[in-house]
Amino acid sequence: MTASLTLEDLRQKIGHPWLKSEHVINGDLIRRYAEVVGGNAQWWNRIDQVPPVILATLGFEQVVSALRKLGPLVLHGSSDVETSRLVHTGETLVATLTLISIRERPALDNHAVFVVIQGEYSDYRGESVATSRQLAIVWPRGLGG
């Protein structure tokens, strides 16, 4: 049984590092990205450099898993990524995700919770390689609920 999570629990985490994870960047990660986006041919055979948008996915599965404790439906709303250098295959990155804001908005017979997360991605020296800002939308009663 998973522990419950409330909006008040999340509000107390605003402005503080929330989730942290370590990721080894490998060619398989890049290939999976290329398969998903399909038309972005420049990355199909480039397993030496990482498409910058991949960095925003690092650790985001933890965000979705945590937010599902608020409700059954979690949608990805948007991602913005800013890189300071190229990341190469074989590097290990640390993703530190911080909760920036939470807003609730009425929606039909339900309400939506908009959660903004900032990501900081650093290399083994602790130097920043990228930042991201992402929006996740939680429907606490699912759609139509």
C-alpha atoms as a PDB file:
ATOM      1  CA  MET A   1       0.000   0.000   0.000  1.00  0.00           C
ATOM      2  CA  THR A   2       1.381   3.403  -0.956  1.00  0.00           C
ATOM      3  CA  ALA A   3       1.294   6.265   1.506  1.00  0.00           C
ATOM      4  CA  SER A   4      -1.207   8.991   0.727  1.00  0.00           C
ATOM      5  CA  LEU A   5      -0.117  12.409  -0.434  1.00  0.00           C
ATOM      6  CA  THR A   6      -2.092  15.590   0.038  1.00  0.00           C
ATOM      7  CA  LEU A   7      -1.864  18.990  -1.590  1.00  0.00           C
ATOM      8  CA  GLU A   8      -0.847  20.377   1.786  1.00  0.00           C
ATOM      9  CA  ASP A   9       2.061  17.881   1.888  1.00  0.00           C
ATOM     10  CA  LEU A  10       3.174  19.167  -1.503  1.00  0.00           C
ATOM     11  CA  ARG A  11       2.738  22.828  -0.580  1.00  0.00           C
ATOM     12  CA  GLN A  12       5.170  22.320   2.309  1.00  0.00           C
ATOM     13  CA  LYS A  13       7.784  21.128  -0.206  1.00  0.00           C
ATOM     14  CA  ILE A  14       7.610  24.220  -2.437  1.00  0.00           C
ATOM     15  CA  GLY A  15      11.026  25.760  -2.907  1.00  0.00           C
ATOM     16  CA  HIS A  16      12.927  22.781  -1.496  1.00  0.00           C
ATOM     17  CA  PRO A  17      14.645  19.952  -3.409  1.00  0.00           C
ATOM     18  CA  TRP A  18      11.982  17.271  -3.639  1.00  0.00           C
ATOM     19  CA  LEU A  19      13.263  14.341  -5.670  1.00  0.00           C
ATOM     20  CA  LYS A  20      16.846  13.441  -6.539  1.00  0.00           C
ATOM     21  CA  SER A  21      18.089  10.643  -8.788  1.00  0.00           C
ATOM     22  CA  GLU A  22      21.197   9.537 -10.654  1.00  0.00           C
ATOM     23  CA  HIS A  23      21.115   8.499 -14.324  1.00  0.00           C
ATOM     24  CA  VAL A  24      23.696   6.891 -16.583  1.00  0.00           C
ATOM     25  CA  ILE A  25      23.214   8.236 -20.087  1.00  0.00           C
ATOM     26  CA  ASN A  26      23.514   5.485 -22.678  1.00  0.00           C
ATOM     27  CA  GLY A  27      22.801   4.824 -26.331  1.00  0.00           C
ATOM     28  CA  ASP A  28      19.645   2.884 -25.518  1.00  0.00           C
ATOM     29  CA  LEU A  29      18.119   6.009 -23.984  1.00  0.00           C
ATOM     30  CA  ILE A  30      18.841   7.964 -27.166  1.00  0.00           C
ATOM     31  CA  ARG A  31      17.516   5.197 -29.434  1.00  0.00           C
ATOM     32  CA  ARG A  32      14.255   5.014 -27.454  1.00  0.00           C
ATOM     33  CA  TYR A  33      13.895   8.798 -27.780  1.00  0.00           C
ATOM     34  CA  ALA A  34      14.507   8.617 -31.526  1.00  0.00           C
ATOM     35  CA  GLU A  35      11.899   5.862 -31.893  1.00  0.00           C
ATOM     36  CA  VAL A  36       9.305   7.893 -29.992  1.00  0.00           C
ATOM     37  CA  VAL A  37       9.809  11.137 -31.919  1.00  0.00           C
ATOM     38  CA  GLY A  38      10.286   9.340 -35.218  1.00  0.00           C
ATOM     39  CA  GLY A  39      10.748  12.316 -37.492  1.00  0.00           C
ATOM     40  CA  ASN A  40      13.739  13.802 -35.665  1.00  0.00           C
ATOM     41  CA  ALA A  41      16.255  11.987 -37.886  1.00  0.00           C
ATOM     42  CA  GLN A  42      19.311  13.920 -36.684  1.00  0.00           C
ATOM     43  CA  TRP A  43      19.379  11.769 -33.514  1.00  0.00           C
ATOM     44  CA  TRP A  44      18.769   8.333 -35.070  1.00  0.00           C
ATOM     45  CA  ASN A  45      22.421   7.435 -35.486  1.00  0.00           C
ATOM     46  CA  ARG A  46      23.953   9.873 -32.998  1.00  0.00           C
ATOM     47  CA  ILE A  47      24.461   7.862 -29.867  1.00  0.00           C
ATOM     48  CA  ASP A  48      27.441   9.999 -28.822  1.00  0.00           C
ATOM     49  CA  GLN A  49      25.416  13.126 -27.950  1.00  0.00           C
ATOM     50  CA  VAL A  50      22.170  13.421 -26.064  1.00  0.00           C
ATOM     51  CA  PRO A  51      19.194  15.353 -27.476  1.00  0.00           C
ATOM     52  CA  PRO A  52      18.709  18.140 -24.901  1.00  0.00           C
ATOM     53  CA  VAL A  53      14.996  17.414 -24.323  1.00  0.00           C
ATOM     54  CA  ILE A  54      15.910  13.964 -22.958  1.00  0.00           C
ATOM     55  CA  LEU A  55      17.396  15.661 -19.910  1.00  0.00           C
ATOM     56  CA  ALA A  56      13.946  16.863 -18.828  1.00  0.00           C
ATOM     57  CA  THR A  57      12.751  13.251 -18.690  1.00  0.00           C
ATOM     58  CA  LEU A  58      15.375  12.266 -16.108  1.00  0.00           C
ATOM     59  CA  GLY A  59      13.575  11.739 -12.823  1.00  0.00           C
ATOM     60  CA  PHE A  60      10.180  12.761 -14.177  1.00  0.00           C
ATOM     61  CA  GLU A  61       8.865   9.216 -13.662  1.00  0.00           C
ATOM     62  CA  GLN A  62       9.350   9.834  -9.917  1.00  0.00           C
ATOM     63  CA  VAL A  63       7.227  12.975 -10.194  1.00  0.00           C
ATOM     64  CA  VAL A  64       4.431  11.092 -11.958  1.00  0.00           C
ATOM     65  CA  SER A  65       4.576   8.263  -9.425  1.00  0.00           C
ATOM     66  CA  ALA A  66       4.348  10.698  -6.496  1.00  0.00           C
ATOM     67  CA  LEU A  67       1.562  12.757  -8.071  1.00  0.00           C
ATOM     68  CA  ARG A  68      -0.525   9.647  -8.771  1.00  0.00           C
ATOM     69  CA  LYS A  69      -1.040   9.521  -5.017  1.00  0.00           C
ATOM     70  CA  LEU A  70      -3.160  12.671  -5.469  1.00  0.00           C
ATOM     71  CA  GLY A  71      -5.265  11.203  -8.248  1.00  0.00           C
ATOM     72  CA  PRO A  72      -5.380   8.570 -10.969  1.00  0.00           C
ATOM     73  CA  LEU A  73      -4.591  10.800 -13.928  1.00  0.00           C
ATOM     74  CA  VAL A  74      -1.334  12.746 -14.297  1.00  0.00           C
ATOM     75  CA  LEU A  75      -0.657  14.515 -17.586  1.00  0.00           C
ATOM     76  CA  HIS A  76       2.512  16.145 -18.817  1.00  0.00           C
ATOM     77  CA  GLY A  77       1.664  19.744 -19.700  1.00  0.00           C
ATOM     78  CA  SER A  78       4.925  21.241 -20.956  1.00  0.00           C
ATOM     79  CA  SER A  79       8.718  21.216 -20.730  1.00  0.00           C
ATOM     80  CA  ASP A  80      11.317  23.914 -21.220  1.00  0.00           C
ATOM     81  CA  VAL A  81      14.983  22.916 -21.199  1.00  0.00           C
ATOM     82  CA  GLU A  82      18.060  25.112 -21.194  1.00  0.00           C
ATOM     83  CA  THR A  83      21.457  23.478 -21.572  1.00  0.00           C
ATOM     84  CA  SER A  84      24.884  24.868 -20.764  1.00  0.00           C
ATOM     85  CA  ARG A  85      26.788  22.206 -22.704  1.00  0.00           C
ATOM     86  CA  LEU A  86      26.262  19.032 -24.710  1.00  0.00           C
ATOM     87  CA  VAL A  87      25.891  15.822 -22.749  1.00  0.00           C
ATOM     88  CA  HIS A  88      27.595  12.722 -24.110  1.00  0.00           C
ATOM     89  CA  THR A  89      26.838   9.030 -23.898  1.00  0.00           C
ATOM     90  CA  GLY A  90      28.467   7.406 -20.892  1.00  0.00           C
ATOM     91  CA  GLU A  91      28.072  10.388 -18.576  1.00  0.00           C
ATOM     92  CA  THR A  92      26.316  10.063 -15.245  1.00  0.00           C
ATOM     93  CA  LEU A  93      23.990  12.917 -14.353  1.00  0.00           C
ATOM     94  CA  VAL A  94      22.236  13.796 -11.127  1.00  0.00           C
ATOM     95  CA  ALA A  95      18.714  15.192 -11.479  1.00  0.00           C
ATOM     96  CA  THR A  96      17.447  17.333  -8.603  1.00  0.00           C
ATOM     97  CA  LEU A  97      13.782  18.258  -8.927  1.00  0.00           C
ATOM     98  CA  THR A  98      12.261  21.106  -6.934  1.00  0.00           C
ATOM     99  CA  LEU A  99       8.586  21.885  -6.583  1.00  0.00           C
ATOM    100  CA  ILE A 100       8.032  25.507  -7.679  1.00  0.00           C
ATOM    101  CA  SER A 101       4.276  26.047  -7.480  1.00  0.00           C
ATOM    102  CA  ILE A 102       0.880  24.394  -7.163  1.00  0.00           C
ATOM    103  CA  ARG A 103      -2.440  25.833  -8.382  1.00  0.00           C
ATOM    104  CA  GLU A 104      -5.906  24.371  -8.370  1.00  0.00           C
ATOM    105  CA  ARG A 105      -8.478  25.245 -11.014  1.00  0.00           C
ATOM    106  CA  PRO A 106     -12.077  24.091 -11.406  1.00  0.00           C
ATOM    107  CA  ALA A 107     -12.676  21.936 -14.474  1.00  0.00           C
ATOM    108  CA  LEU A 108     -16.104  20.545 -15.325  1.00  0.00           C
ATOM    109  CA  ASP A 109     -17.270  18.347 -12.404  1.00  0.00           C
ATOM    110  CA  ASN A 110     -13.709  18.033 -11.170  1.00  0.00           C
ATOM    111  CA  HIS A 111     -10.705  20.228 -10.559  1.00  0.00           C
ATOM    112  CA  ALA A 112      -7.228  20.186 -12.002  1.00  0.00           C
ATOM    113  CA  VAL A 113      -4.028  20.650 -10.029  1.00  0.00           C
ATOM    114  CA  PHE A 114      -1.188  22.333 -11.933  1.00  0.00           C
ATOM    115  CA  VAL A 115       2.238  21.476 -10.538  1.00  0.00           C
ATOM    116  CA  VAL A 116       5.398  23.244 -11.751  1.00  0.00           C
ATOM    117  CA  ILE A 117       8.714  21.458 -11.216  1.00  0.00           C
ATOM    118  CA  GLN A 118      12.187  22.834 -11.816  1.00  0.00           C
ATOM    119  CA  GLY A 119      14.959  20.400 -12.666  1.00  0.00           C
ATOM    120  CA  GLU A 120      18.681  20.903 -12.149  1.00  0.00           C
ATOM    121  CA  TYR A 121      20.950  18.432 -13.934  1.00  0.00           C
ATOM    122  CA  SER A 122      24.611  18.185 -12.972  1.00  0.00           C
ATOM    123  CA  ASP A 123      27.594  16.050 -13.946  1.00  0.00           C
ATOM    124  CA  TYR A 124      29.966  14.058 -11.723  1.00  0.00           C
ATOM    125  CA  ARG A 125      31.861  17.256 -10.842  1.00  0.00           C
ATOM    126  CA  GLY A 126      28.648  18.856  -9.634  1.00  0.00           C
ATOM    127  CA  GLU A 127      28.672  21.307 -12.537  1.00  0.00           C
ATOM    128  CA  SER A 128      25.324  22.228 -14.044  1.00  0.00           C
ATOM    129  CA  VAL A 129      24.698  20.913 -17.558  1.00  0.00           C
ATOM    130  CA  ALA A 130      21.021  21.890 -17.849  1.00  0.00           C
ATOM    131  CA  THR A 131      17.901  23.205 -16.164  1.00  0.00           C
ATOM    132  CA  SER A 132      14.276  22.530 -16.939  1.00  0.00           C
ATOM    133  CA  ARG A 133      10.845  23.753 -15.973  1.00  0.00           C
ATOM    134  CA  GLN A 134       7.965  21.340 -16.376  1.00  0.00           C
ATOM    135  CA  LEU A 135       4.247  21.377 -15.834  1.00  0.00           C
ATOM    136  CA  ALA A 136       2.320  18.338 -14.627  1.00  0.00           C
ATOM    137  CA  ILE A 137      -1.465  18.369 -14.439  1.00  0.00           C
ATOM    138  CA  VAL A 138      -3.255  16.118 -11.948  1.00  0.00           C
ATOM    139  CA  TRP A 139      -6.936  15.233 -12.171  1.00  0.00           C
ATOM    140  CA  PRO A 140      -7.697  14.001  -8.635  1.00  0.00           C
ATOM    141  CA  ARG A 141     -10.907  12.194  -9.662  1.00  0.00           C
ATOM    142  CA  GLY A 142      -9.782  11.215 -13.140  1.00  0.00           C
ATOM    143  CA  LEU A 143     -11.606  12.455 -16.225  1.00  0.00           C
ATOM    144  CA  GLY A 144     -15.353  12.504 -15.991  1.00  0.00           C
ATOM    145  CA  GLY A 145     -15.160  12.175 -12.193  1.00  0.00           C
END
